[in-house]
Amino acid sequence: MSKEEFIDKCIAFSVKINKLRKYLREEQHEYNNSDQIQRSGTSIGANYSEACDAVSKADFVNKLSIAQKEANETIYWLKVLYGSELISKNQYEELLADVRELYKILAASLKTLKNDK
C-alpha cells in the first residue's frame, strides 16, 4: 500500500470518527468519551503524516509507534462506547474493523522497520 493510499484510509477513518463524535454529542449527549475517541481516532493519521516528514529513521519509527498506540487507544474507546450502549453493534463493528486494519498496517510497517537494522 502506498503512502498516499494509507493517508487516504486515515482521512476516511478520521471523517467517520468526527461524524461519530457529532452523533454522540447531539444524539447521546455524551461529551467526555466522544472527545476521547475523537482525539485518538484522528491522531492516527496525523501522526502517520508527521512520520512521512521524519528527519531520521528513529523519528519515523517513533511517529509510527505513536500512530499505532493511538489506534490501540481508539479500539479501547470503541469498546467502552459499545459496552456503554452509546453506539450500535453496526457502528461498533464497522469502526472496529477500520481501526484494526490501520493498526495491522502500522504494526507490519514497524516490524519491517525494526527488522531492517
PDB file of N, CA and C in Angstrom:
ATOM      1  N   MET A   1       0.847  -1.176   0.000  1.00  0.00           N
ATOM      2  CA  MET A   1       0.000   0.000   0.000  1.00  0.00           C
ATOM      3  C   MET A   1       0.893   1.240   0.000  1.00  0.00           C
ATOM      4  N   SER A   2       0.551   2.184  -0.839  1.00  0.00           N
ATOM      5  CA  SER A   2       1.360   3.404  -0.934  1.00  0.00           C
ATOM      6  C   SER A   2       1.068   4.335   0.245  1.00  0.00           C
ATOM      7  N   LYS A   3       1.967   5.270   0.438  1.00  0.00           N
ATOM      8  CA  LYS A   3       1.808   6.276   1.481  1.00  0.00           C
ATOM      9  C   LYS A   3       0.492   7.035   1.289  1.00  0.00           C
ATOM     10  N   GLU A   4       0.213   7.425   0.054  1.00  0.00           N
ATOM     11  CA  GLU A   4      -0.999   8.185  -0.240  1.00  0.00           C
ATOM     12  C   GLU A   4      -2.266   7.376   0.051  1.00  0.00           C
ATOM     13  N   GLU A   5      -2.238   6.093  -0.292  1.00  0.00           N
ATOM     14  CA  GLU A   5      -3.390   5.236  -0.027  1.00  0.00           C
ATOM     15  C   GLU A   5      -3.636   5.093   1.475  1.00  0.00           C
ATOM     16  N   PHE A   6      -2.548   4.959   2.236  1.00  0.00           N
ATOM     17  CA  PHE A   6      -2.705   4.831   3.682  1.00  0.00           C
ATOM     18  C   PHE A   6      -3.217   6.135   4.287  1.00  0.00           C
ATOM     19  N   ILE A   7      -2.692   7.259   3.839  1.00  0.00           N
ATOM     20  CA  ILE A   7      -3.178   8.551   4.323  1.00  0.00           C
ATOM     21  C   ILE A   7      -4.658   8.712   3.990  1.00  0.00           C
ATOM     22  N   ASP A   8      -5.066   8.299   2.786  1.00  0.00           N
ATOM     23  CA  ASP A   8      -6.485   8.363   2.420  1.00  0.00           C
ATOM     24  C   ASP A   8      -7.343   7.514   3.356  1.00  0.00           C
ATOM     25  N   LYS A   9      -6.848   6.328   3.728  1.00  0.00           N
ATOM     26  CA  LYS A   9      -7.574   5.474   4.683  1.00  0.00           C
ATOM     27  C   LYS A   9      -7.680   6.159   6.043  1.00  0.00           C
ATOM     28  N   CYS A  10      -6.606   6.803   6.447  1.00  0.00           N
ATOM     29  CA  CYS A  10      -6.607   7.506   7.736  1.00  0.00           C
ATOM     30  C   CYS A  10      -7.578   8.681   7.711  1.00  0.00           C
ATOM     31  N   ILE A  11      -7.599   9.407   6.614  1.00  0.00           N
ATOM     32  CA  ILE A  11      -8.519  10.539   6.488  1.00  0.00           C
ATOM     33  C   ILE A  11      -9.962  10.045   6.510  1.00  0.00           C
ATOM     34  N   ALA A  12     -10.247   8.984   5.771  1.00  0.00           N
ATOM     35  CA  ALA A  12     -11.609   8.433   5.752  1.00  0.00           C
ATOM     36  C   ALA A  12     -12.028   7.989   7.157  1.00  0.00           C
ATOM     37  N   PHE A  13     -11.095   7.389   7.889  1.00  0.00           N
ATOM     38  CA  PHE A  13     -11.399   6.966   9.254  1.00  0.00           C
ATOM     39  C   PHE A  13     -11.626   8.184  10.152  1.00  0.00           C
ATOM     40  N   SER A  14     -10.802   9.208  10.009  1.00  0.00           N
ATOM     41  CA  SER A  14     -10.970  10.431  10.806  1.00  0.00           C
ATOM     42  C   SER A  14     -12.324  11.073  10.558  1.00  0.00           C
ATOM     43  N   VAL A  15     -12.761  11.063   9.310  1.00  0.00           N
ATOM     44  CA  VAL A  15     -14.077  11.621   8.984  1.00  0.00           C
ATOM     45  C   VAL A  15     -15.173  10.824   9.699  1.00  0.00           C
ATOM     46  N   LYS A  16     -15.056   9.494   9.685  1.00  0.00           N
ATOM     47  CA  LYS A  16     -16.036   8.659  10.387  1.00  0.00           C
ATOM     48  C   LYS A  16     -16.030   8.951  11.887  1.00  0.00           C
ATOM     49  N   ILE A  17     -14.850   9.143  12.445  1.00  0.00           N
ATOM     50  CA  ILE A  17     -14.734   9.438  13.875  1.00  0.00           C
ATOM     51  C   ILE A  17     -15.350  10.802  14.188  1.00  0.00           C
ATOM     52  N   ASN A  18     -15.107  11.781  13.326  1.00  0.00           N
ATOM     53  CA  ASN A  18     -15.712  13.096  13.546  1.00  0.00           C
ATOM     54  C   ASN A  18     -17.239  13.025  13.484  1.00  0.00           C
ATOM     55  N   LYS A  19     -17.756  12.219  12.563  1.00  0.00           N
ATOM     56  CA  LYS A  19     -19.205  12.034  12.476  1.00  0.00           C
ATOM     57  C   LYS A  19     -19.735  11.303  13.711  1.00  0.00           C
ATOM     58  N   LEU A  20     -18.960  10.333  14.210  1.00  0.00           N
ATOM     59  CA  LEU A  20     -19.341   9.634  15.431  1.00  0.00           C
ATOM     60  C   LEU A  20     -19.393  10.608  16.600  1.00  0.00           C
ATOM     61  N   ARG A  21     -18.400  11.463  16.695  1.00  0.00           N
ATOM     62  CA  ARG A  21     -18.375  12.458  17.782  1.00  0.00           C
ATOM     63  C   ARG A  21     -19.619  13.350  17.710  1.00  0.00           C
ATOM     64  N   LYS A  22     -19.952  13.794  16.521  1.00  0.00           N
ATOM     65  CA  LYS A  22     -21.143  14.637  16.343  1.00  0.00           C
ATOM     66  C   LYS A  22     -22.393  13.884  16.788  1.00  0.00           C
ATOM     67  N   TYR A  23     -22.507  12.627  16.359  1.00  0.00           N
ATOM     68  CA  TYR A  23     -23.648  11.793  16.760  1.00  0.00           C
ATOM     69  C   TYR A  23     -23.703  11.642  18.282  1.00  0.00           C
ATOM     70  N   LEU A  24     -22.572  11.347  18.895  1.00  0.00           N
ATOM     71  CA  LEU A  24     -22.551  11.137  20.345  1.00  0.00           C
ATOM     72  C   LEU A  24     -22.962  12.395  21.096  1.00  0.00           C
ATOM     73  N   ARG A  25     -22.509  13.527  20.620  1.00  0.00           N
ATOM     74  CA  ARG A  25     -22.850  14.787  21.292  1.00  0.00           C
ATOM     75  C   ARG A  25     -24.310  15.164  21.076  1.00  0.00           C
ATOM     76  N   GLU A  26     -24.782  15.045  19.842  1.00  0.00           N
ATOM     77  CA  GLU A  26     -26.133  15.505  19.525  1.00  0.00           C
ATOM     78  C   GLU A  26     -27.222  14.509  19.917  1.00  0.00           C
ATOM     79  N   GLU A  27     -26.959  13.231  19.716  1.00  0.00           N
ATOM     80  CA  GLU A  27     -27.991  12.221  19.957  1.00  0.00           C
ATOM     81  C   GLU A  27     -27.896  11.571  21.342  1.00  0.00           C
ATOM     82  N   GLN A  28     -26.699  11.401  21.825  1.00  0.00           N
ATOM     83  CA  GLN A  28     -26.497  10.707  23.099  1.00  0.00           C
ATOM     84  C   GLN A  28     -26.161  11.665  24.250  1.00  0.00           C
ATOM     85  N   HIS A  29     -25.875  12.908  23.904  1.00  0.00           N
ATOM     86  CA  HIS A  29     -25.464  13.913  24.906  1.00  0.00           C
ATOM     87  C   HIS A  29     -24.254  13.419  25.706  1.00  0.00           C
ATOM     88  N   GLU A  30     -23.362  12.769  24.991  1.00  0.00           N
ATOM     89  CA  GLU A  30     -22.131  12.220  25.574  1.00  0.00           C
ATOM     90  C   GLU A  30     -20.972  13.087  25.115  1.00  0.00           C
ATOM     91  N   TYR A  31     -20.242  13.653  26.074  1.00  0.00           N
ATOM     92  CA  TYR A  31     -19.172  14.588  25.727  1.00  0.00           C
ATOM     93  C   TYR A  31     -17.782  14.055  26.045  1.00  0.00           C
ATOM     94  N   ASN A  32     -17.587  13.480  27.208  1.00  0.00           N
ATOM     95  CA  ASN A  32     -16.244  13.053  27.602  1.00  0.00           C
ATOM     96  C   ASN A  32     -15.687  11.944  26.707  1.00  0.00           C
ATOM     97  N   ASN A  33     -16.438  10.876  26.553  1.00  0.00           N
ATOM     98  CA  ASN A  33     -15.970   9.772  25.712  1.00  0.00           C
ATOM     99  C   ASN A  33     -15.887  10.181  24.244  1.00  0.00           C
ATOM    100  N   SER A  34     -16.788  11.043  23.808  1.00  0.00           N
ATOM    101  CA  SER A  34     -16.753  11.485  22.414  1.00  0.00           C
ATOM    102  C   SER A  34     -15.491  12.298  22.137  1.00  0.00           C
ATOM    103  N   ASP A  35     -15.076  13.096  23.107  1.00  0.00           N
ATOM    104  CA  ASP A  35     -13.835  13.856  22.946  1.00  0.00           C
ATOM    105  C   ASP A  35     -12.618  12.931  22.923  1.00  0.00           C
ATOM    106  N   GLN A  36     -12.636  11.920  23.779  1.00  0.00           N
ATOM    107  CA  GLN A  36     -11.504  10.989  23.855  1.00  0.00           C
ATOM    108  C   GLN A  36     -11.317  10.232  22.543  1.00  0.00           C
ATOM    109  N   ILE A  37     -12.411   9.690  22.011  1.00  0.00           N
ATOM    110  CA  ILE A  37     -12.280   8.903  20.780  1.00  0.00           C
ATOM    111  C   ILE A  37     -11.961   9.804  19.601  1.00  0.00           C
ATOM    112  N   GLN A  38     -12.435  11.026  19.634  1.00  0.00           N
ATOM    113  CA  GLN A  38     -12.121  11.956  18.549  1.00  0.00           C
ATOM    114  C   GLN A  38     -10.630  12.281  18.542  1.00  0.00           C
ATOM    115  N   ARG A  39     -10.058  12.478  19.720  1.00  0.00           N
ATOM    116  CA  ARG A  39      -8.618  12.790  19.792  1.00  0.00           C
ATOM    117  C   ARG A  39      -7.768  11.606  19.327  1.00  0.00           C
ATOM    118  N   SER A  40      -8.062  10.419  19.845  1.00  0.00           N
ATOM    119  CA  SER A  40      -7.236   9.262  19.478  1.00  0.00           C
ATOM    120  C   SER A  40      -7.475   8.836  18.035  1.00  0.00           C
ATOM    121  N   GLY A  41      -8.730   8.843  17.616  1.00  0.00           N
ATOM    122  CA  GLY A  41      -9.053   8.368  16.269  1.00  0.00           C
ATOM    123  C   GLY A  41      -8.510   9.240  15.160  1.00  0.00           C
ATOM    124  N   THR A  42      -8.500  10.545  15.377  1.00  0.00           N
ATOM    125  CA  THR A  42      -7.991  11.443  14.334  1.00  0.00           C
ATOM    126  C   THR A  42      -6.481  11.608  14.393  1.00  0.00           C
ATOM    127  N   SER A  43      -5.881  11.260  15.516  1.00  0.00           N
ATOM    128  CA  SER A  43      -4.425  11.430  15.603  1.00  0.00           C
ATOM    129  C   SER A  43      -3.646  10.291  14.957  1.00  0.00           C
ATOM    130  N   ILE A  44      -4.323   9.210  14.595  1.00  0.00           N
ATOM    131  CA  ILE A  44      -3.633   8.117  13.895  1.00  0.00           C
ATOM    132  C   ILE A  44      -3.030   8.659  12.595  1.00  0.00           C
ATOM    133  N   GLY A  45      -3.871   9.256  11.787  1.00  0.00           N
ATOM    134  CA  GLY A  45      -3.416   9.810  10.515  1.00  0.00           C
ATOM    135  C   GLY A  45      -2.485  10.992  10.687  1.00  0.00           C
ATOM    136  N   ALA A  46      -2.749  11.821  11.692  1.00  0.00           N
ATOM    137  CA  ALA A  46      -1.883  12.978  11.934  1.00  0.00           C
ATOM    138  C   ALA A  46      -0.462  12.536  12.269  1.00  0.00           C
ATOM    139  N   ASN A  47      -0.336  11.512  13.093  1.00  0.00           N
ATOM    140  CA  ASN A  47       0.999  11.013  13.444  1.00  0.00           C
ATOM    141  C   ASN A  47       1.672  10.320  12.271  1.00  0.00           C
ATOM    142  N   TYR A  48       0.886   9.601  11.474  1.00  0.00           N
ATOM    143  CA  TYR A  48       1.463   8.990  10.281  1.00  0.00           C
ATOM    144  C   TYR A  48       1.950  10.066   9.320  1.00  0.00           C
ATOM    145  N   SER A  49       1.164  11.105   9.160  1.00  0.00           N
ATOM    146  CA  SER A  49       1.557  12.212   8.290  1.00  0.00           C
ATOM    147  C   SER A  49       2.855  12.859   8.777  1.00  0.00           C
ATOM    148  N   GLU A  50       2.976  13.027  10.089  1.00  0.00           N
ATOM    149  CA  GLU A  50       4.222  13.553  10.651  1.00  0.00           C
ATOM    150  C   GLU A  50       5.382  12.598  10.385  1.00  0.00           C
ATOM    151  N   ALA A  51       5.115  11.317  10.477  1.00  0.00           N
ATOM    152  CA  ALA A  51       6.177  10.326  10.237  1.00  0.00           C
ATOM    153  C   ALA A  51       6.723  10.449   8.819  1.00  0.00           C
ATOM    154  N   CYS A  52       5.858  10.789   7.892  1.00  0.00           N
ATOM    155  CA  CYS A  52       6.287  10.916   6.499  1.00  0.00           C
ATOM    156  C   CYS A  52       7.281  12.052   6.297  1.00  0.00           C
ATOM    157  N   ASP A  53       7.349  12.974   7.231  1.00  0.00           N
ATOM    158  CA  ASP A  53       8.330  14.066   7.188  1.00  0.00           C
ATOM    159  C   ASP A  53       9.411  13.903   8.247  1.00  0.00           C
ATOM    160  N   ALA A  54       9.614  12.691   8.691  1.00  0.00           N
ATOM    161  CA  ALA A  54      10.601  12.432   9.741  1.00  0.00           C
ATOM    162  C   ALA A  54      12.000  12.840   9.297  1.00  0.00           C
ATOM    163  N   VAL A  55      12.791  13.249  10.264  1.00  0.00           N
ATOM    164  CA  VAL A  55      14.162  13.687   9.972  1.00  0.00           C
ATOM    165  C   VAL A  55      15.167  12.542  10.071  1.00  0.00           C
ATOM    166  N   SER A  56      14.731  11.410  10.604  1.00  0.00           N
ATOM    167  CA  SER A  56      15.612  10.246  10.723  1.00  0.00           C
ATOM    168  C   SER A  56      14.757   8.985  10.795  1.00  0.00           C
ATOM    169  N   LYS A  57      15.417   7.851  10.666  1.00  0.00           N
ATOM    170  CA  LYS A  57      14.697   6.584  10.787  1.00  0.00           C
ATOM    171  C   LYS A  57      14.113   6.439  12.189  1.00  0.00           C
ATOM    172  N   ALA A  58      14.869   6.855  13.204  1.00  0.00           N
ATOM    173  CA  ALA A  58      14.383   6.775  14.582  1.00  0.00           C
ATOM    174  C   ALA A  58      13.139   7.644  14.777  1.00  0.00           C
ATOM    175  N   ASP A  59      13.159   8.830  14.187  1.00  0.00           N
ATOM    176  CA  ASP A  59      11.999   9.727  14.268  1.00  0.00           C
ATOM    177  C   ASP A  59      10.807   9.095  13.559  1.00  0.00           C
ATOM    178  N   PHE A  60      11.039   8.494  12.408  1.00  0.00           N
ATOM    179  CA  PHE A  60       9.991   7.821  11.643  1.00  0.00           C
ATOM    180  C   PHE A  60       9.362   6.694  12.465  1.00  0.00           C
ATOM    181  N   VAL A  61      10.212   5.852  13.048  1.00  0.00           N
ATOM    182  CA  VAL A  61       9.734   4.733  13.872  1.00  0.00           C
ATOM    183  C   VAL A  61       8.942   5.259  15.071  1.00  0.00           C
ATOM    184  N   ASN A  62       9.441   6.312  15.690  1.00  0.00           N
ATOM    185  CA  ASN A  62       8.750   6.889  16.845  1.00  0.00           C
ATOM    186  C   ASN A  62       7.348   7.375  16.473  1.00  0.00           C
ATOM    187  N   LYS A  63       7.225   8.100  15.377  1.00  0.00           N
ATOM    188  CA  LYS A  63       5.912   8.625  14.960  1.00  0.00           C
ATOM    189  C   LYS A  63       4.962   7.485  14.567  1.00  0.00           C
ATOM    190  N   LEU A  64       5.488   6.466  13.894  1.00  0.00           N
ATOM    191  CA  LEU A  64       4.645   5.315  13.559  1.00  0.00           C
ATOM    192  C   LEU A  64       4.183   4.594  14.820  1.00  0.00           C
ATOM    193  N   SER A  65       5.074   4.506  15.795  1.00  0.00           N
ATOM    194  CA  SER A  65       4.713   3.868  17.069  1.00  0.00           C
ATOM    195  C   SER A  65       3.606   4.634  17.773  1.00  0.00           C
ATOM    196  N   ILE A  66       3.692   5.954  17.737  1.00  0.00           N
ATOM    197  CA  ILE A  66       2.636   6.774  18.338  1.00  0.00           C
ATOM    198  C   ILE A  66       1.323   6.560  17.595  1.00  0.00           C
ATOM    199  N   ALA A  67       1.370   6.523  16.272  1.00  0.00           N
ATOM    200  CA  ALA A  67       0.155   6.281  15.486  1.00  0.00           C
ATOM    201  C   ALA A  67      -0.463   4.931  15.854  1.00  0.00           C
ATOM    202  N   GLN A  68       0.373   3.916  16.021  1.00  0.00           N
ATOM    203  CA  GLN A  68      -0.116   2.588  16.395  1.00  0.00           C
ATOM    204  C   GLN A  68      -0.751   2.622  17.790  1.00  0.00           C
ATOM    205  N   LYS A  69      -0.126   3.333  18.719  1.00  0.00           N
ATOM    206  CA  LYS A  69      -0.690   3.453  20.070  1.00  0.00           C
ATOM    207  C   LYS A  69      -2.037   4.168  20.041  1.00  0.00           C
ATOM    208  N   GLU A  70      -2.156   5.173  19.203  1.00  0.00           N
ATOM    209  CA  GLU A  70      -3.429   5.895  19.079  1.00  0.00           C
ATOM    210  C   GLU A  70      -4.510   4.981  18.498  1.00  0.00           C
ATOM    211  N   ALA A  71      -4.128   4.116  17.569  1.00  0.00           N
ATOM    212  CA  ALA A  71      -5.087   3.144  17.021  1.00  0.00           C
ATOM    213  C   ALA A  71      -5.551   2.195  18.125  1.00  0.00           C
ATOM    214  N   ASN A  72      -4.617   1.749  18.940  1.00  0.00           N
ATOM    215  CA  ASN A  72      -4.955   0.861  20.044  1.00  0.00           C
ATOM    216  C   ASN A  72      -5.875   1.565  21.044  1.00  0.00           C
ATOM    217  N   GLU A  73      -5.589   2.836  21.342  1.00  0.00           N
ATOM    218  CA  GLU A  73      -6.449   3.590  22.246  1.00  0.00           C
ATOM    219  C   GLU A  73      -7.853   3.749  21.648  1.00  0.00           C
ATOM    220  N   THR A  74      -7.939   3.948  20.355  1.00  0.00           N
ATOM    221  CA  THR A  74      -9.233   4.091  19.696  1.00  0.00           C
ATOM    222  C   THR A  74     -10.044   2.806  19.824  1.00  0.00           C
ATOM    223  N   ILE A  75      -9.379   1.665  19.709  1.00  0.00           N
ATOM    224  CA  ILE A  75     -10.051   0.379  19.916  1.00  0.00           C
ATOM    225  C   ILE A  75     -10.644   0.334  21.325  1.00  0.00           C
ATOM    226  N   TYR A  76      -9.865   0.771  22.294  1.00  0.00           N
ATOM    227  CA  TYR A  76     -10.339   0.811  23.678  1.00  0.00           C
ATOM    228  C   TYR A  76     -11.613   1.657  23.800  1.00  0.00           C
ATOM    229  N   TRP A  77     -11.589   2.874  23.242  1.00  0.00           N
ATOM    230  CA  TRP A  77     -12.747   3.761  23.372  1.00  0.00           C
ATOM    231  C   TRP A  77     -13.964   3.216  22.632  1.00  0.00           C
ATOM    232  N   LEU A  78     -13.747   2.552  21.514  1.00  0.00           N
ATOM    233  CA  LEU A  78     -14.883   1.925  20.822  1.00  0.00           C
ATOM    234  C   LEU A  78     -15.530   0.865  21.703  1.00  0.00           C
ATOM    235  N   LYS A  79     -14.707   0.076  22.378  1.00  0.00           N
ATOM    236  CA  LYS A  79     -15.234  -0.950  23.278  1.00  0.00           C
ATOM    237  C   LYS A  79     -16.003  -0.330  24.436  1.00  0.00           C
ATOM    238  N   VAL A  80     -15.504   0.782  24.962  1.00  0.00           N
ATOM    239  CA  VAL A  80     -16.199   1.488  26.043  1.00  0.00           C
ATOM    240  C   VAL A  80     -17.550   2.004  25.551  1.00  0.00           C
ATOM    241  N   LEU A  81     -17.548   2.646  24.385  1.00  0.00           N
ATOM    242  CA  LEU A  81     -18.794   3.192  23.842  1.00  0.00           C
ATOM    243  C   LEU A  81     -19.826   2.102  23.575  1.00  0.00           C
ATOM    244  N   TYR A  82     -19.363   0.995  23.006  1.00  0.00           N
ATOM    245  CA  TYR A  82     -20.279  -0.110  22.719  1.00  0.00           C
ATOM    246  C   TYR A  82     -20.779  -0.749  24.016  1.00  0.00           C
ATOM    247  N   GLY A  83     -19.855  -0.982  24.936  1.00  0.00           N
ATOM    248  CA  GLY A  83     -20.239  -1.569  26.222  1.00  0.00           C
ATOM    249  C   GLY A  83     -21.193  -0.685  27.004  1.00  0.00           C
ATOM    250  N   SER A  84     -21.108   0.614  26.812  1.00  0.00           N
ATOM    251  CA  SER A  84     -21.990   1.573  27.484  1.00  0.00           C
ATOM    252  C   SER A  84     -23.293   1.783  26.721  1.00  0.00           C
ATOM    253  N   GLU A  85     -23.458   1.055  25.623  1.00  0.00           N
ATOM    254  CA  GLU A  85     -24.647   1.131  24.773  1.00  0.00           C
ATOM    255  C   GLU A  85     -24.860   2.530  24.197  1.00  0.00           C
ATOM    256  N   LEU A  86     -23.764   3.194  23.880  1.00  0.00           N
ATOM    257  CA  LEU A  86     -23.834   4.521  23.267  1.00  0.00           C
ATOM    258  C   LEU A  86     -23.738   4.456  21.750  1.00  0.00           C
ATOM    259  N   ILE A  87     -23.266   3.316  21.228  1.00  0.00           N
ATOM    260  CA  ILE A  87     -23.229   3.103  19.783  1.00  0.00           C
ATOM    261  C   ILE A  87     -23.818   1.722  19.494  1.00  0.00           C
ATOM    262  N   SER A  88     -24.329   1.588  18.279  1.00  0.00           N
ATOM    263  CA  SER A  88     -24.951   0.321  17.883  1.00  0.00           C
ATOM    264  C   SER A  88     -23.880  -0.720  17.554  1.00  0.00           C
ATOM    265  N   LYS A  89     -24.318  -1.939  17.467  1.00  0.00           N
ATOM    266  CA  LYS A  89     -23.418  -3.032  17.086  1.00  0.00           C
ATOM    267  C   LYS A  89     -22.829  -2.773  15.700  1.00  0.00           C
ATOM    268  N   ASN A  90     -23.657  -2.287  14.772  1.00  0.00           N
ATOM    269  CA  ASN A  90     -23.173  -1.999  13.424  1.00  0.00           C
ATOM    270  C   ASN A  90     -22.117  -0.902  13.426  1.00  0.00           C
ATOM    271  N   GLN A  91     -22.366   0.183  14.168  1.00  0.00           N
ATOM    272  CA  GLN A  91     -21.378   1.260  14.270  1.00  0.00           C
ATOM    273  C   GLN A  91     -20.068   0.703  14.839  1.00  0.00           C
ATOM    274  N   TYR A  92     -20.200  -0.042  15.907  1.00  0.00           N
ATOM    275  CA  TYR A  92     -19.037  -0.623  16.578  1.00  0.00           C
ATOM    276  C   TYR A  92     -18.238  -1.521  15.642  1.00  0.00           C
ATOM    277  N   GLU A  93     -18.903  -2.447  14.996  1.00  0.00           N
ATOM    278  CA  GLU A  93     -18.201  -3.414  14.148  1.00  0.00           C
ATOM    279  C   GLU A  93     -17.536  -2.740  12.944  1.00  0.00           C
ATOM    280  N   GLU A  94     -18.207  -1.766  12.349  1.00  0.00           N
ATOM    281  CA  GLU A  94     -17.625  -1.074  11.195  1.00  0.00           C
ATOM    282  C   GLU A  94     -16.381  -0.282  11.588  1.00  0.00           C
ATOM    283  N   LEU A  95     -16.494   0.495  12.642  1.00  0.00           N
ATOM    284  CA  LEU A  95     -15.351   1.309  13.072  1.00  0.00           C
ATOM    285  C   LEU A  95     -14.216   0.438  13.608  1.00  0.00           C
ATOM    286  N   LEU A  96     -14.566  -0.620  14.313  1.00  0.00           N
ATOM    287  CA  LEU A  96     -13.551  -1.528  14.839  1.00  0.00           C
ATOM    288  C   LEU A  96     -12.770  -2.188  13.706  1.00  0.00           C
ATOM    289  N   ALA A  97     -13.465  -2.626  12.667  1.00  0.00           N
ATOM    290  CA  ALA A  97     -12.788  -3.236  11.516  1.00  0.00           C
ATOM    291  C   ALA A  97     -11.844  -2.229  10.859  1.00  0.00           C
ATOM    292  N   ASP A  98     -12.295  -0.990  10.723  1.00  0.00           N
ATOM    293  CA  ASP A  98     -11.460   0.047  10.100  1.00  0.00           C
ATOM    294  C   ASP A  98     -10.194   0.311  10.916  1.00  0.00           C
ATOM    295  N   VAL A  99     -10.356   0.494  12.209  1.00  0.00           N
ATOM    296  CA  VAL A  99      -9.191   0.842  13.032  1.00  0.00           C
ATOM    297  C   VAL A  99      -8.252  -0.358  13.204  1.00  0.00           C
ATOM    298  N   ARG A 100      -8.790  -1.544  13.223  1.00  0.00           N
ATOM    299  CA  ARG A 100      -7.916  -2.730  13.296  1.00  0.00           C
ATOM    300  C   ARG A 100      -7.087  -2.874  12.019  1.00  0.00           C
ATOM    301  N   GLU A 101      -7.673  -2.528  10.884  1.00  0.00           N
ATOM    302  CA  GLU A 101      -6.917  -2.549   9.639  1.00  0.00           C
ATOM    303  C   GLU A 101      -5.759  -1.541   9.699  1.00  0.00           C
ATOM    304  N   LEU A 102      -6.040  -0.334  10.170  1.00  0.00           N
ATOM    305  CA  LEU A 102      -4.975   0.667  10.313  1.00  0.00           C
ATOM    306  C   LEU A 102      -3.900   0.175  11.273  1.00  0.00           C
ATOM    307  N   TYR A 103      -4.322  -0.392  12.389  1.00  0.00           N
ATOM    308  CA  TYR A 103      -3.380  -0.916  13.385  1.00  0.00           C
ATOM    309  C   TYR A 103      -2.478  -1.989  12.779  1.00  0.00           C
ATOM    310  N   LYS A 104      -3.064  -2.915  12.046  1.00  0.00           N
ATOM    311  CA  LYS A 104      -2.287  -4.014  11.455  1.00  0.00           C
ATOM    312  C   LYS A 104      -1.281  -3.504  10.427  1.00  0.00           C
ATOM    313  N   ILE A 105      -1.670  -2.518   9.647  1.00  0.00           N
ATOM    314  CA  ILE A 105      -0.747  -1.942   8.661  1.00  0.00           C
ATOM    315  C   ILE A 105       0.417  -1.266   9.368  1.00  0.00           C
ATOM    316  N   LEU A 106       0.112  -0.507  10.406  1.00  0.00           N
ATOM    317  CA  LEU A 106       1.171   0.159  11.173  1.00  0.00           C
ATOM    318  C   LEU A 106       2.079  -0.865  11.845  1.00  0.00           C
ATOM    319  N   ALA A 107       1.495  -1.895  12.417  1.00  0.00           N
ATOM    320  CA  ALA A 107       2.286  -2.939  13.082  1.00  0.00           C
ATOM    321  C   ALA A 107       3.214  -3.642  12.097  1.00  0.00           C
ATOM    322  N   ALA A 108       2.712  -3.948  10.908  1.00  0.00           N
ATOM    323  CA  ALA A 108       3.535  -4.608   9.890  1.00  0.00           C
ATOM    324  C   ALA A 108       4.671  -3.689   9.439  1.00  0.00           C
ATOM    325  N   SER A 109       4.375  -2.410   9.284  1.00  0.00           N
ATOM    326  CA  SER A 109       5.409  -1.449   8.885  1.00  0.00           C
ATOM    327  C   SER A 109       6.488  -1.348   9.952  1.00  0.00           C
ATOM    328  N   LEU A 110       6.067  -1.276  11.205  1.00  0.00           N
ATOM    329  CA  LEU A 110       7.037  -1.186  12.299  1.00  0.00           C
ATOM    330  C   LEU A 110       7.885  -2.450  12.398  1.00  0.00           C
ATOM    331  N   LYS A 111       7.264  -3.594  12.192  1.00  0.00           N
ATOM    332  CA  LYS A 111       8.011  -4.859  12.243  1.00  0.00           C
ATOM    333  C   LYS A 111       9.077  -4.880  11.148  1.00  0.00           C
ATOM    334  N   THR A 112       8.698  -4.453   9.952  1.00  0.00           N
ATOM    335  CA  THR A 112       9.650  -4.406   8.836  1.00  0.00           C
ATOM    336  C   THR A 112      10.796  -3.443   9.155  1.00  0.00           C
ATOM    337  N   LEU A 113      10.468  -2.279   9.690  1.00  0.00           N
ATOM    338  CA  LEU A 113      11.496  -1.278  10.004  1.00  0.00           C
ATOM    339  C   LEU A 113      12.444  -1.775  11.069  1.00  0.00           C
ATOM    340  N   LYS A 114      11.908  -2.437  12.074  1.00  0.00           N
ATOM    341  CA  LYS A 114      12.751  -2.924  13.167  1.00  0.00           C
ATOM    342  C   LYS A 114      13.631  -4.093  12.729  1.00  0.00           C
ATOM    343  N   ASN A 115      13.182  -4.836  11.722  1.00  0.00           N
ATOM    344  CA  ASN A 115      13.992  -5.941  11.191  1.00  0.00           C
ATOM    345  C   ASN A 115      15.051  -5.482  10.208  1.00  0.00           C
ATOM    346  N   ASP A 116      14.954  -4.228   9.750  1.00  0.00           N
ATOM    347  CA  ASP A 116      15.897  -3.661   8.793  1.00  0.00           C
ATOM    348  C   ASP A 116      17.084  -2.978   9.464  1.00  0.00           C
ATOM    349  N   LYS A 117      17.475  -3.433  10.604  1.00  0.00           N
ATOM    350  CA  LYS A 117      18.561  -2.765  11.342  1.00  0.00           C
ATOM    351  C   LYS A 117      19.891  -2.967  10.712  1.00  0.00           C
TER     352      LYS A 117
END
